[in-house]
Each structure stands twice: as C-alpha cells, then as structure tokens.
Protein backbone atom coordinates (compact mmCIF):
# COMPACT_ATOMS: atom_id res chain seq x y z
CA MET A 1 0.06 -0.07 -0.06
CA THR A 2 1.39 3.45 -0.94
CA ALA A 3 1.71 5.98 1.54
CA PRO A 4 -1.51 8.46 2.39
CA LEU A 5 -1.19 11.58 0.22
CA SER A 6 -1.09 14.55 2.04
CA ARG A 7 -4.22 17.11 1.77
CA ARG A 8 -2.07 20.09 1.65
CA SER A 9 0.76 21.65 0.40
CA GLY A 10 1.42 25.43 1.01
CA GLY A 11 -1.04 28.44 1.93
CA ARG A 12 -3.63 29.61 -0.26
CA ALA A 13 -1.69 32.88 -0.65
CA ALA A 14 1.32 31.09 -1.66
CA ARG A 15 -0.25 29.28 -4.36
CA VAL A 16 -2.16 32.63 -5.56
CA ALA A 17 1.37 33.75 -5.71
CA ALA A 18 2.50 31.47 -7.96
CA ARG A 19 0.06 31.42 -10.43
CA ALA A 20 0.09 35.04 -10.98
CA SER A 21 4.16 34.50 -11.48
CA SER A 22 5.60 33.58 -15.11
CA LEU A 23 5.87 30.01 -14.93
CA SER A 24 9.27 28.37 -15.93
CA ASP A 25 9.15 26.26 -19.02
CA ASP A 26 9.48 22.86 -17.26
CA ILE A 27 5.80 23.57 -15.63
CA ARG A 28 4.32 25.85 -18.32
CA PRO A 29 0.90 23.98 -19.52
CA VAL A 30 1.26 25.26 -23.39
CA ARG A 31 4.59 26.63 -24.88
CA PRO A 32 5.37 27.32 -28.59
CA GLY A 33 5.96 24.46 -30.96
CA MET A 34 3.59 21.98 -29.72
CA THR A 35 2.76 19.19 -31.48
CA GLY A 36 -0.58 19.13 -33.47
CA GLY A 37 -1.89 17.01 -36.21
CA LYS A 38 -4.54 14.67 -34.04
CA PHE A 39 -7.02 15.99 -36.54
CA ARG A 40 -7.31 15.03 -40.21
CA PRO A 41 -10.16 16.09 -42.07
CA LEU A 42 -8.83 14.13 -45.14
CA THR A 43 -8.23 10.65 -45.78
CA GLU A 44 -4.54 9.66 -46.70
CA ALA A 45 -6.61 8.84 -50.04
CA GLN A 46 -8.01 12.35 -50.13
CA VAL A 47 -4.68 13.75 -49.69
CA ALA A 48 -3.12 12.07 -52.51
CA ARG A 49 -5.72 12.93 -54.89
CA ILE A 50 -5.36 16.16 -53.75
CA HIS A 51 -1.71 16.38 -54.75
CA ALA A 52 -1.94 14.43 -58.06
CA THR A 53 -4.50 16.83 -59.00
CA ALA A 54 -2.25 20.00 -58.60
CA LEU A 55 0.15 18.61 -60.30
CA ARG A 56 -1.65 17.83 -63.38
CA ALA A 57 -3.15 21.44 -63.14
CA LEU A 58 0.92 22.56 -63.02
CA ASP A 59 1.59 20.74 -65.71
CA GLU A 60 -1.50 20.89 -67.40
CA ILE A 61 -2.59 24.67 -66.85
CA GLY A 62 0.51 26.09 -65.45
CA LEU A 63 1.02 30.01 -64.68
CA ALA A 64 1.19 33.27 -66.81
CA ASP A 65 2.79 36.35 -65.88
CA ALA A 66 6.43 35.83 -64.43
CA PRO A 67 8.91 38.47 -64.74
CA PRO A 68 11.33 37.74 -67.45
CA SER A 69 13.89 37.14 -64.79
CA GLY A 70 11.72 34.15 -63.64
CA ILE A 71 10.80 32.63 -67.15
CA GLU A 72 14.56 32.53 -67.34
CA LEU A 73 15.28 30.91 -64.25
CA LEU A 74 11.91 28.45 -64.47
CA THR A 75 12.74 27.15 -68.36
CA ALA A 76 16.55 26.88 -67.22
CA ALA A 77 15.28 24.56 -64.17
CA GLY A 78 12.90 22.65 -66.81
CA ALA A 79 9.71 24.41 -66.79
CA ARG A 80 8.05 24.65 -70.38
CA LEU A 81 7.18 28.29 -71.59
CA GLY A 82 4.13 27.91 -74.24
CA GLY A 83 2.91 30.07 -76.59
CA ASP A 84 0.55 31.46 -74.70
CA GLY A 85 2.69 32.49 -72.00
CA ARG A 86 2.13 29.87 -69.44
CA LEU A 87 4.88 28.31 -67.50
CA ARG A 88 4.00 24.59 -66.86
CA PHE A 89 5.81 22.66 -64.82
CA SER A 90 6.44 18.36 -65.32
CA PRO A 91 5.56 16.29 -62.04
CA ALA A 92 9.02 15.27 -62.41
CA LEU A 93 10.58 18.95 -61.91
CA VAL A 94 8.23 19.64 -58.86
CA GLU A 95 9.61 16.70 -57.44
CA ASP A 96 13.03 17.45 -57.93
CA MET A 97 12.48 20.76 -56.55
CA LEU A 98 10.55 19.16 -53.51
CA ALA A 99 13.67 16.88 -52.88
CA LYS A 100 15.90 20.15 -52.64
CA ALA A 101 13.20 22.18 -50.29
CA CYS A 102 14.10 23.06 -46.64
CA ARG A 103 12.15 21.14 -44.46
CA ASP A 104 13.46 21.38 -40.74
CA LEU A 105 13.26 25.10 -40.49
CA SER A 106 13.86 27.32 -37.34
CA LEU A 107 12.72 30.95 -37.66
CA CYS A 108 14.72 33.10 -35.87
CA GLY A 109 13.99 36.00 -33.23
CA ARG A 110 15.93 39.07 -32.53
CA ASP A 111 16.01 37.14 -29.29
CA PRO A 112 17.31 33.73 -29.51
CA ARG A 113 14.42 32.70 -26.60
CA PHE A 114 11.66 33.34 -29.09
CA ASP A 115 12.84 31.50 -32.25
CA LEU A 116 10.06 28.94 -33.79
CA ASP A 117 11.04 25.48 -34.61
CA LEU A 118 8.93 24.53 -37.89
CA SER A 119 9.69 20.75 -37.89
CA GLY A 120 7.22 18.34 -38.10
CA GLN A 121 3.79 19.56 -37.05
CA ARG A 122 4.72 22.01 -34.48
CA VAL A 123 2.38 24.86 -33.85
CA HIS A 124 2.81 28.52 -33.52
CA TYR A 125 0.52 31.09 -33.44
CA GLY A 126 0.91 34.85 -34.63
CA THR A 127 -0.67 37.81 -36.31
CA ALA A 128 -0.83 39.46 -39.84
CA GLY A 129 -2.89 40.90 -42.11
CA ALA A 130 -2.82 44.29 -43.67
CA ALA A 131 -6.08 45.86 -42.06
CA VAL A 132 -6.24 49.35 -42.73
CA HIS A 133 -8.45 50.18 -39.89
CA MET A 134 -8.17 50.06 -35.70
CA VAL A 135 -10.89 48.91 -33.70
CA ASP A 136 -11.87 51.57 -30.95
CA VAL A 137 -14.05 49.49 -28.76
CA ALA A 138 -14.89 52.47 -26.17
CA GLY A 139 -16.44 54.31 -29.14
CA ARG A 140 -17.56 51.56 -31.41
CA ASN A 141 -16.33 52.76 -34.45
CA TYR A 142 -13.41 52.43 -37.12
CA ARG A 143 -10.33 54.80 -37.99
CA GLU A 144 -7.39 54.58 -40.32
CA SER A 145 -4.62 52.71 -38.95
CA THR A 146 -1.30 54.38 -38.17
CA LEU A 147 2.70 53.85 -37.55
CA GLN A 148 2.21 54.10 -34.34
CA ASP A 149 -0.82 51.62 -33.93
CA LEU A 150 1.66 49.32 -35.65
CA HIS A 151 4.16 50.06 -33.21
CA ASP A 152 2.14 49.05 -30.45
CA ALA A 153 0.67 46.35 -31.86
CA ALA A 154 4.41 44.75 -31.73
CA ARG A 155 4.66 45.98 -27.98
CA ILE A 156 1.52 44.32 -26.72
CA ALA A 157 2.43 41.02 -28.63
CA HIS A 158 5.99 41.37 -27.29
CA VAL A 159 4.46 40.87 -23.72
CA LEU A 160 1.74 38.02 -24.58
CA ASP A 161 2.97 34.28 -23.83
CA ASN A 162 0.71 32.78 -26.46
CA ILE A 163 1.54 35.51 -29.28
CA HIS A 164 4.73 33.61 -31.11
CA PHE A 165 5.45 35.71 -33.69
CA LEU A 166 4.66 39.56 -35.33
CA GLN A 167 3.55 39.61 -38.65
CA ARG A 168 2.65 42.80 -39.79
CA PRO A 169 -1.27 43.28 -39.23
CA MET A 170 -1.88 46.55 -40.15
CA VAL A 171 -0.85 49.38 -42.78
CA ALA A 172 0.70 52.57 -41.61
CA ARG A 173 -1.99 54.63 -43.34
CA ASP A 174 -0.43 58.19 -41.83
CA ILE A 175 2.89 57.41 -44.16
CA LEU A 176 1.79 58.33 -47.92
CA ASP A 177 5.27 57.49 -49.46
CA ASN A 178 5.26 53.54 -49.98
CA ARG A 179 8.99 53.39 -49.68
CA GLU A 180 9.16 54.85 -46.36
CA MET A 181 5.77 53.28 -45.22
CA ASP A 182 7.96 49.98 -45.86
CA LEU A 183 10.90 50.92 -44.02
CA ASN A 184 9.00 52.30 -41.18
CA THR A 185 7.00 49.17 -40.84
CA ILE A 186 10.17 47.21 -40.60
CA TYR A 187 11.46 49.55 -37.83
CA ALA A 188 8.06 49.88 -35.99
CA CYS A 189 7.69 46.16 -35.77
CA CYS A 190 11.34 45.43 -34.60
CA ALA A 191 11.44 48.15 -32.17
CA GLY A 192 8.43 46.60 -30.39
CA THR A 193 9.43 42.98 -30.26
CA THR A 194 12.33 40.86 -30.30
CA LYS A 195 9.98 38.33 -31.52
CA HIS A 196 10.16 36.98 -35.27
CA VAL A 197 8.34 39.42 -37.67
CA GLY A 198 7.04 39.60 -40.96
CA THR A 199 6.68 42.06 -43.21
CA SER A 200 5.85 42.69 -47.16
CA PHE A 201 7.02 45.16 -49.68
CA SER A 202 4.70 47.27 -51.70
CA ASP A 203 7.88 47.40 -54.95
CA PRO A 204 10.76 45.13 -55.30
CA SER A 205 13.14 48.29 -55.57
CA HIS A 206 12.43 48.93 -51.64
CA VAL A 207 14.06 45.26 -50.35
CA ALA A 208 17.49 46.64 -50.68
CA GLU A 209 16.88 49.42 -48.33
CA GLY A 210 14.66 47.32 -46.36
CA LEU A 211 17.94 44.89 -46.19
CA GLU A 212 19.96 47.55 -45.34
CA LEU A 213 18.09 48.27 -42.16
CA LEU A 214 17.92 44.90 -41.32
CA HIS A 215 21.84 44.98 -41.33
CA MET A 216 22.13 47.66 -38.95
CA ILE A 217 19.07 46.57 -36.68
CA ALA A 218 21.33 42.75 -36.58
CA GLY A 219 24.83 44.79 -36.35
CA GLY A 220 25.74 44.01 -39.88
CA GLU A 221 25.16 41.93 -42.76
CA ALA A 222 26.98 38.69 -41.39
CA ALA A 223 24.83 38.77 -38.25
CA TRP A 224 21.77 39.44 -40.09
CA ARG A 225 22.56 36.01 -42.66
CA ALA A 226 23.22 34.20 -39.57
CA ARG A 227 20.08 35.05 -37.77
CA PRO A 228 17.51 36.65 -40.33
CA PHE A 229 14.44 37.53 -37.52
CA VAL A 230 12.28 39.16 -40.21
CA SER A 231 10.89 37.12 -43.23
CA ASN A 232 9.08 38.19 -46.34
CA SER A 233 5.51 37.62 -46.29
CA ASN A 234 5.12 37.57 -50.21
CA CYS A 235 1.82 36.98 -52.39
CA PHE A 236 3.94 35.99 -54.90
CA VAL A 237 0.72 34.73 -57.04
CA VAL A 238 -2.47 36.15 -58.27
CA PRO A 239 -4.97 33.59 -57.75
CA PRO A 240 -6.12 31.62 -59.99
CA MET A 241 -2.78 30.58 -61.16
CA LYS A 242 -0.86 33.49 -62.21
CA PHE A 243 2.17 34.73 -60.69
CA ALA A 244 2.21 38.41 -59.34
CA THR A 245 5.26 39.71 -61.10
CA GLU A 246 6.29 42.62 -58.88
CA SER A 247 6.26 40.37 -55.72
CA CYS A 248 8.16 37.81 -57.66
CA GLN A 249 10.86 39.99 -58.13
CA ALA A 250 10.69 41.04 -54.59
CA MET A 251 10.97 37.44 -53.83
CA GLU A 252 14.12 36.64 -55.58
CA THR A 253 15.88 39.75 -54.21
CA CYS A 254 14.96 38.73 -50.60
CA VAL A 255 16.14 35.37 -51.46
CA LEU A 256 19.13 36.29 -52.48
CA GLY A 257 19.56 38.52 -49.39
CA GLY A 258 19.28 35.58 -47.02
CA MET A 259 15.39 36.52 -45.80
CA PRO A 260 13.25 33.23 -45.44
CA VAL A 261 10.05 34.12 -47.34
CA LEU A 262 6.15 32.91 -46.78
CA LEU A 263 5.09 31.76 -50.19
CA LEU A 264 1.76 33.38 -49.93
CA SER A 265 -1.32 32.37 -52.00
CA ALA A 266 -4.68 33.98 -50.98
CA GLY A 267 -7.24 32.63 -53.49
CA MET A 268 -11.45 33.57 -52.44
CA ALA A 269 -12.99 30.43 -52.85
CA GLY A 270 -16.02 31.06 -55.14
CA ALA A 271 -14.23 34.00 -56.76
CA THR A 272 -10.83 33.53 -57.44
CA ALA A 273 -10.49 29.80 -56.25
CA PRO A 274 -13.00 27.26 -56.90
CA SER A 275 -16.30 27.13 -54.51
CA THR A 276 -15.58 23.68 -53.27
CA ILE A 277 -13.13 23.30 -49.98
CA ALA A 278 -10.91 20.60 -51.89
CA GLY A 279 -11.03 22.50 -55.18
CA ALA A 280 -9.85 25.51 -53.38
CA ILE A 281 -6.87 23.66 -51.35
CA VAL A 282 -5.88 21.91 -55.02
CA GLN A 283 -5.63 25.48 -56.59
CA ALA A 284 -3.53 26.70 -53.48
CA VAL A 285 -1.00 23.98 -53.44
CA ALA A 286 -0.56 23.75 -56.76
CA GLU A 287 0.54 27.93 -56.83
CA CYS A 288 2.15 27.15 -53.92
CA LEU A 289 4.16 23.87 -55.20
CA ALA A 290 5.12 26.66 -58.04
CA GLY A 291 6.61 28.88 -55.41
CA VAL A 292 8.49 26.05 -54.07
CA VAL A 293 10.01 25.23 -58.08
CA TYR A 294 10.68 29.04 -58.19
CA VAL A 295 12.92 29.32 -54.98
CA ASN A 296 14.70 26.08 -55.10
CA ALA A 297 15.62 27.02 -58.53
CA LEU A 298 16.70 30.49 -57.16
CA LYS A 299 18.48 29.19 -54.12
CA PRO A 300 18.27 25.67 -53.60
CA GLY A 301 17.26 24.80 -49.65
CA HIS A 302 16.09 28.39 -49.10
CA PRO A 303 14.06 28.81 -45.90
CA ALA A 304 10.31 29.22 -47.29
CA ILE A 305 6.72 28.48 -45.92
CA PHE A 306 4.46 26.69 -47.56
CA GLY A 307 1.76 29.36 -47.77
CA THR A 308 -1.81 27.76 -48.73
CA TRP A 309 -3.88 30.99 -47.82
CA PRO A 310 -7.39 29.93 -49.23
CA PHE A 311 -9.99 31.85 -47.94
CA GLY A 312 -13.94 30.99 -47.43
CA LEU A 313 -16.44 33.37 -49.29
CA ASP A 314 -20.13 33.66 -48.47
CA LEU A 315 -21.83 33.25 -51.77
CA ARG A 316 -24.82 35.16 -51.08
CA SER A 317 -23.06 38.39 -50.53
CA GLY A 318 -19.56 38.18 -51.59
CA ALA A 319 -18.23 38.85 -48.46
CA MET A 320 -15.18 37.07 -46.71
CA THR A 321 -15.97 34.54 -44.19
CA VAL A 322 -12.64 34.45 -42.38
CA GLY A 323 -14.38 32.96 -39.09
CA SER A 324 -16.46 30.26 -40.59
CA GLY A 325 -16.68 26.46 -40.46
CA GLU A 326 -15.54 26.37 -43.91
CA GLN A 327 -12.55 28.59 -43.49
CA ALA A 328 -11.46 26.33 -40.86
CA LEU A 329 -11.61 23.45 -42.61
CA LEU A 330 -9.47 25.22 -45.73
CA SER A 331 -6.54 25.81 -42.86
CA SER A 332 -6.81 22.29 -41.79
CA GLY A 333 -7.26 20.61 -44.87
CA CYS A 334 -3.96 22.85 -45.94
CA ALA A 335 -2.43 21.75 -43.10
CA GLN A 336 -2.43 18.08 -43.85
CA MET A 337 -1.06 18.97 -47.14
CA HIS A 338 1.86 20.49 -45.68
CA ALA A 339 2.74 17.72 -43.69
CA PHE A 340 1.97 15.17 -46.69
CA TYR A 341 4.95 17.30 -48.22
CA GLY A 342 6.77 17.23 -44.85
CA LEU A 343 7.48 21.19 -45.44
CA PRO A 344 6.81 23.95 -42.74
CA GLY A 345 3.66 25.00 -43.95
CA GLY A 346 1.09 28.68 -42.85
CA ALA A 347 -2.35 29.45 -43.44
CA THR A 348 -5.10 31.56 -41.81
CA GLY A 349 -6.68 30.79 -38.07
CA GLY A 350 -8.28 33.24 -35.76
CA ALA A 351 -9.49 36.19 -37.66
CA SER A 352 -13.06 36.65 -37.26
CA ASP A 353 -15.58 38.82 -39.44
CA SER A 354 -17.02 40.54 -36.83
CA LYS A 355 -16.55 44.41 -36.29
CA LEU A 356 -16.03 44.04 -32.62
CA PRO A 357 -14.56 41.75 -29.87
CA ASP A 358 -17.68 40.31 -29.15
CA MET A 359 -19.42 36.93 -28.98
CA GLN A 360 -19.36 36.59 -32.46
CA ALA A 361 -15.53 37.14 -32.61
CA GLY A 362 -15.19 34.75 -30.06
CA TRP A 363 -16.88 31.76 -31.37
CA GLU A 364 -15.32 32.60 -34.86
CA GLN A 365 -11.91 32.76 -33.49
CA MET A 366 -11.95 29.52 -31.31
CA CYS A 367 -13.03 27.76 -33.91
CA THR A 368 -10.52 28.43 -36.26
CA ASN A 369 -7.80 28.79 -34.30
CA VAL A 370 -8.57 25.00 -32.25
CA MET A 371 -8.95 23.43 -35.23
CA ALA A 372 -5.76 24.74 -36.83
CA GLY A 373 -3.78 24.23 -34.30
CA LEU A 374 -5.35 20.76 -33.85
CA SER A 375 -4.28 19.66 -37.68
CA GLY A 376 -0.86 20.59 -36.98
CA LEU A 377 -0.42 23.79 -39.10
CA ASN A 378 2.96 25.22 -38.02
CA MET A 379 2.22 28.72 -38.41
CA VAL A 380 -1.48 30.33 -37.64
CA TYR A 381 -1.09 33.60 -39.13
CA GLU A 382 -4.19 36.34 -37.88
CA ALA A 383 -4.99 34.64 -34.94
CA ALA A 384 -5.53 37.08 -32.97
CA GLY A 385 -6.56 40.70 -33.08
CA MET A 386 -7.78 40.42 -36.58
CA HIS A 387 -11.50 41.90 -37.00
CA ALA A 388 -14.22 42.96 -40.31
CA SER A 389 -12.70 40.10 -42.30
CA LEU A 390 -9.19 41.41 -42.39
CA LEU A 391 -9.95 45.33 -42.55
CA GLY A 392 -9.65 46.11 -38.48
CA PHE A 393 -7.61 45.36 -35.90
CA CYS A 394 -7.98 45.62 -32.36
CA HIS A 395 -5.43 45.94 -29.95
CA GLU A 396 -7.78 44.84 -26.74
CA SER A 397 -8.94 41.86 -28.94
CA LEU A 398 -5.10 40.97 -29.71
CA ILE A 399 -4.94 40.95 -25.17
CA LEU A 400 -8.23 38.92 -25.57
CA GLY A 401 -6.93 36.37 -27.90
CA ASP A 402 -3.68 35.69 -25.86
CA ASP A 403 -6.04 33.82 -23.58
CA LEU A 404 -8.34 32.51 -26.30
CA ILE A 405 -4.92 30.69 -28.19
CA GLY A 406 -4.18 29.37 -24.69
CA GLN A 407 -7.14 27.65 -24.45
CA ALA A 408 -6.80 26.44 -28.51
CA LEU A 409 -3.28 25.22 -27.34
CA ARG A 410 -4.39 23.23 -24.28
CA CYS A 411 -6.30 21.23 -27.15
CA VAL A 412 -3.19 20.91 -29.18
CA ARG A 413 -1.69 19.57 -26.18
CA GLY A 414 -4.29 16.92 -25.74
CA ILE A 415 -4.40 13.90 -23.13
CA GLU A 416 -1.58 12.28 -21.84
CA VAL A 417 -2.25 8.90 -20.30
CA ASP A 418 0.63 7.37 -17.89
CA ASP A 419 0.72 5.75 -14.66
CA ASP A 420 0.71 9.07 -13.21
CA THR A 421 -2.39 10.76 -15.16
CA LEU A 422 -4.19 7.67 -14.72
CA ALA A 423 -4.26 8.24 -10.76
CA LEU A 424 -5.45 5.17 -9.74
CA GLU A 425 -3.47 5.25 -6.56
CA GLN A 426 -4.89 8.76 -5.63
CA MET A 427 -8.57 7.04 -6.36
CA ARG A 428 -7.45 4.22 -3.37
CA ASP A 429 -6.14 6.81 -1.28
CA VAL A 430 -8.94 9.47 -1.49
CA CYS A 431 -11.50 6.86 -1.59
CA LEU A 432 -10.36 4.25 1.08
CA ASN A 433 -8.22 6.30 3.35
CA GLY A 434 -9.48 9.95 2.91
CA PRO A 435 -12.40 12.48 2.98
CA GLY A 436 -13.81 11.20 -0.71
CA HIS A 437 -12.82 14.15 -2.66
CA TYR A 438 -9.34 15.26 -4.64
CA LEU A 439 -9.62 19.42 -3.04
CA GLY A 440 -6.02 20.31 -1.80
CA THR A 441 -4.15 16.92 -2.51
CA ASP A 442 -0.58 17.09 -3.28
CA ALA A 443 -1.47 15.38 -6.73
CA THR A 444 -4.15 17.93 -7.14
CA LEU A 445 -2.36 21.10 -5.91
CA GLY A 446 1.10 19.50 -7.55
CA ARG A 447 -0.41 19.18 -11.25
CA MET A 448 -2.52 22.67 -11.06
CA GLN A 449 -0.08 24.30 -13.11
CA ARG A 450 1.32 21.58 -15.42
CA ASP A 451 -2.07 20.49 -16.72
CA HIS A 452 -4.51 23.51 -16.36
CA VAL A 453 -4.27 26.81 -18.40
CA TYR A 454 -5.61 30.05 -16.16
CA PRO A 455 -7.29 32.65 -18.18
CA LYS A 456 -5.61 36.18 -17.37
CA LEU A 457 -8.61 38.17 -18.06
CA GLY A 458 -11.45 35.62 -18.54
CA ASN A 459 -13.71 35.90 -15.74
CA ARG A 460 -14.52 32.25 -13.76
CA SER A 461 -16.00 33.91 -10.50
CA SER A 462 -19.66 33.05 -9.66
CA PRO A 463 -22.31 35.59 -10.29
CA LYS A 464 -22.08 36.58 -6.49
CA GLU A 465 -18.63 37.02 -6.48
CA TRP A 466 -18.75 38.87 -9.85
CA GLU A 467 -21.36 41.56 -8.31
CA GLU A 468 -18.94 41.74 -5.45
CA LYS A 469 -16.15 42.69 -7.12
CA GLU A 470 -18.19 45.43 -9.21
CA LYS A 471 -19.14 43.43 -12.43
CA PRO A 472 -15.77 43.70 -14.16
CA ASP A 473 -16.21 43.60 -17.79
CA LEU A 474 -13.74 41.88 -20.12
CA LEU A 475 -13.26 44.79 -22.63
CA VAL A 476 -12.69 47.34 -19.83
CA ASN A 477 -9.84 44.78 -18.15
CA ALA A 478 -8.29 44.39 -21.61
CA THR A 479 -8.03 48.27 -22.25
CA ALA A 480 -6.68 48.51 -19.05
CA ARG A 481 -4.53 45.56 -19.50
CA LYS A 482 -3.38 47.54 -22.76
CA ASP A 483 -2.56 51.05 -21.38
CA ASP A 484 -0.08 49.18 -18.92
CA ILE A 485 1.34 47.58 -21.55
CA LEU A 486 2.02 50.68 -23.10
CA ALA A 487 2.86 52.58 -20.17
CA SER A 488 6.23 51.75 -20.55
CA ARG A 489 9.01 51.81 -23.14
CA SER A 490 9.34 48.77 -25.13
CA PRO A 491 12.06 46.22 -23.70
CA ALA A 492 12.79 45.52 -27.42
CA ARG A 493 13.99 49.57 -28.63
CA PHE A 494 17.43 49.83 -30.26
CA ASP A 495 20.37 50.91 -27.98
CA PRO A 496 20.60 54.82 -28.65
CA ALA A 497 23.89 54.49 -31.25
CA THR A 498 22.20 52.10 -33.42
CA ASP A 499 18.83 54.04 -33.53
CA ALA A 500 20.92 57.34 -34.26
CA ALA A 501 22.48 55.84 -37.13
CA ILE A 502 19.37 54.33 -38.45
CA ARG A 503 17.46 57.67 -37.85
CA ALA A 504 20.45 59.38 -39.89
CA ARG A 505 20.23 56.81 -42.85
CA PHE A 506 16.22 56.72 -42.83
CA ASN A 507 13.23 58.94 -42.27
CA ILE A 508 11.82 57.13 -39.26
CA HIS A 509 8.38 58.42 -38.52
CA LEU A 510 8.04 57.02 -34.80
CA PRO A 511 9.45 59.59 -32.44
CA ALA A 512 12.77 58.68 -30.49
C-alpha cells in the first residue's frame, strides 16, 4: 500500500502568488511549438488525390505572368514556356524541387529565446494581415490605422505568452510614401518586439534598403544572414494561377538577401479559387508548389514557408467568411498537405468577420484557431486581433486572443495517459483513506499549474463574486491591460547608437 497522500501543500496565498508569476518552461501547461496533427479532415487517399490533381494543374494549366527573370530561371530549371505565355511544370520537376526544399526550418527571433521550430507539426500562433483600420472599442467605431498603432501592436505582442510571432497586422495609413511606409514598418515592428517579425514590400525596389536597415539592426550583414529575424510575406501569385510579377521580383531579392519567405497564395473560394473546399485547396497547393520550384531553382534549400492561404466566401453577398466552419476546414486541410510534403507551412486562423470583440468574434476565433492547431498547422497567421474580415485590427482583441489561444493550445496538447495521470493510487487513497474528494491533495496541487491553463482576463467567478467585484467587464479590463503595457517603453527598442544611426540614414516617423 502506498503512503497516504497529504491534503495540503503550502498556503493559499502562496499558491495564488505562484499562479500570478511567470511559470518556468518545465511546468508551463502550453508553449510555442506544441505538436498537433491529431485532427485530420482528409483521408490519406484524399490527400493523395489533391496532390495528384495539383500536379496535373501545374503540368496542364501552368501559371502566367512570370517576370522575365523568373521565366529565365524556371525554364533553365526545366519548366516549359508555352505560346500562351504560361509556364508549365512537369511532375518530375516539382518532385525534384521538393527534394531540395528546406524542411527543418527554424525562424529566428532577434532574441534567440523566441526562435520558432517549424519541424514536423509544431504549432505556433501569431498576427498577420494588412488591416487599414483600427477598432476603437470604447467608441464602437473604426479609424485609419497608423504607424504608432503598428508599433503598439508589436509592443503588446511582445509580452503575450501565446502570441509567438508578429507578422505586420496593419498598414501605416499615415505614411503616404510607400517606400517610407515599408521601411518604417520594419522599424516599428522590430523596435516593438524581439520575436520573429514578418513584413512585405510594396515595390521590389524597396527591398535593398529594407535589407540595409535590417543589417543595421542586426549589427552587420553577416550577423543578419546568420540569424534572419524578419521574413518576407510574399503574395507571389495572383489567383487563379498567375504569378504576381512585381512580388516575384521582390521575392528574388529577398531570397538572395538571406531573408526567409512566406509563399502566400490567398485565393477566394468562389471568386479567385474554386468554391469547393477541395478545389480551393488544390489550387492553393498547385500555386505554392510553383513557388517551391521558383525558390529552389533560385537558391536550393532556402527557408520558405508553404503558405496555402485560401479564404472562404459568403456566396450570397461576396463577403469574406474568415471566421466560418468552411474557413476552419480550408486551413486544416492545407495543414494536412503541408505534413504530406514534409514542408513548413502556414495558413489563416483566428480572424473574425465580426466588427468588434463580441460573442461572434469569440466563436469564430476559437473555432478556426482550435482546428488549425489540432491539424498541426505550423504557423497560424491572423490568430489574434483581426476583425471585419481582415479590414480592422484591435489591440484589445489581441490581448484577449492571448487567453483564447492559451485554451486552443491546451486542446493541441491533448490528453496524456500514463500511470501518474490515470491516478489509480489517488483514487485508492481518496476513496479508502481520505475525505472522498481530491481538493487540496498533493497530486491535485502539484499538477494544477502544469495541467491547466488559467485565463488572465477571462472571469470564472460566481455571479455573487462577480457582483461583489463591481461586475468587471472583459473589454474594460483588456483596455486597462493595454494601457499598462504601453505605459512602459518597449524592451525591444534599439540601443541609442544604433537608433541614431538608423535615424540618420532613414526618415523614421516614430518619435525617438
């Protein structure tokens, strides 16, 4: 017979203090890079059919509008240029380039503790998008997004445990010059967080200066190439089945400059992609396979993320449905295709069609985030803060998304079954020797941190306690947390000498 389990382990105040403090990595219940993949909406036979159909699409339909540099590169690699100007790719060429593609990819943070391991089906959640508005929750209205809003989003994301990376979530609408907007976007994001950052370029001519800025931040080109902490989100295709000429040119410069790329295919099911879920996945896979050929013809093994990113569409109105069940299935099916190819992949999850962080936003964000995570999607983009079908971003929603993603990650972690968790000896002691309940036992108290995710802002009190605490409001508390975060300077800000050198070289719009 095992020794009886004790009923208490320390005082309540000590346990409350422990829950309020940051947990060490060995007892955190959820963390970046947890392995998903238990949810598989497609059978193995269906995955094989999608792959075979995508290969046929590339071989028989091909892609139009490659830039001259791309045509030269791809035909030299074995693509066929037809009289209709379309480049076609044989299955053998695709398979050859897949064999050269980067598989065990890690995306670097400026701080190595934020590095993201994208091998296997490890799951990471972060922001993305190009919202042009900010959601004002107090006034229940929208206004144009600014560079300061972007910087503040980076500062907030930096301190949220369950936001693992920051891809630019909004456009700095207050900077009218596109070149300055691109450069200031890099500055604002990197000065706000040392987590991995994703950005895009509005014109290929801006990439060289963007790389120069990144070299200054990194401490030189060699340091940048050793640990590239910013990736290029590149819409290299214009669905259906056309290359985006200027984006391809930007991608070429990014690849040669050592910047990881997100090969992003963002078709609209029913508009620029087939309306069926399977058809939309086929087209996205075909387009991204063309991107794999492109990148590896240019630089074999260069870090690239397979960004199948098909969006749902409300066929009654033409509105996007980024928070729908169909969207959740689109992203989950894409995650299975990433696993089939053994490539690091990303898709959307966690965005909402609701205009405010309300109940609709909650069910949409949780549905798509949970399914994306369970399917083993490496990079869940737009996972927090995004509203109005990608038109609006909300700082309070970003903060609430940290709680929501914590619960999604707990689903990804799943159920551990071993001698300890089966708890037979606990049952024996409690039922035969104890008070008939598990409250306060060493086993319960010892596992309460490692097994359970506790929301920071979500309220689980009784109605009586809620009333005694003056009926705390979720959005009011989220705003208070935002104000508290932004009251301090960002720990990611550059040292004074580096910042002065950057400002002397570039027109930085943020105040020093």
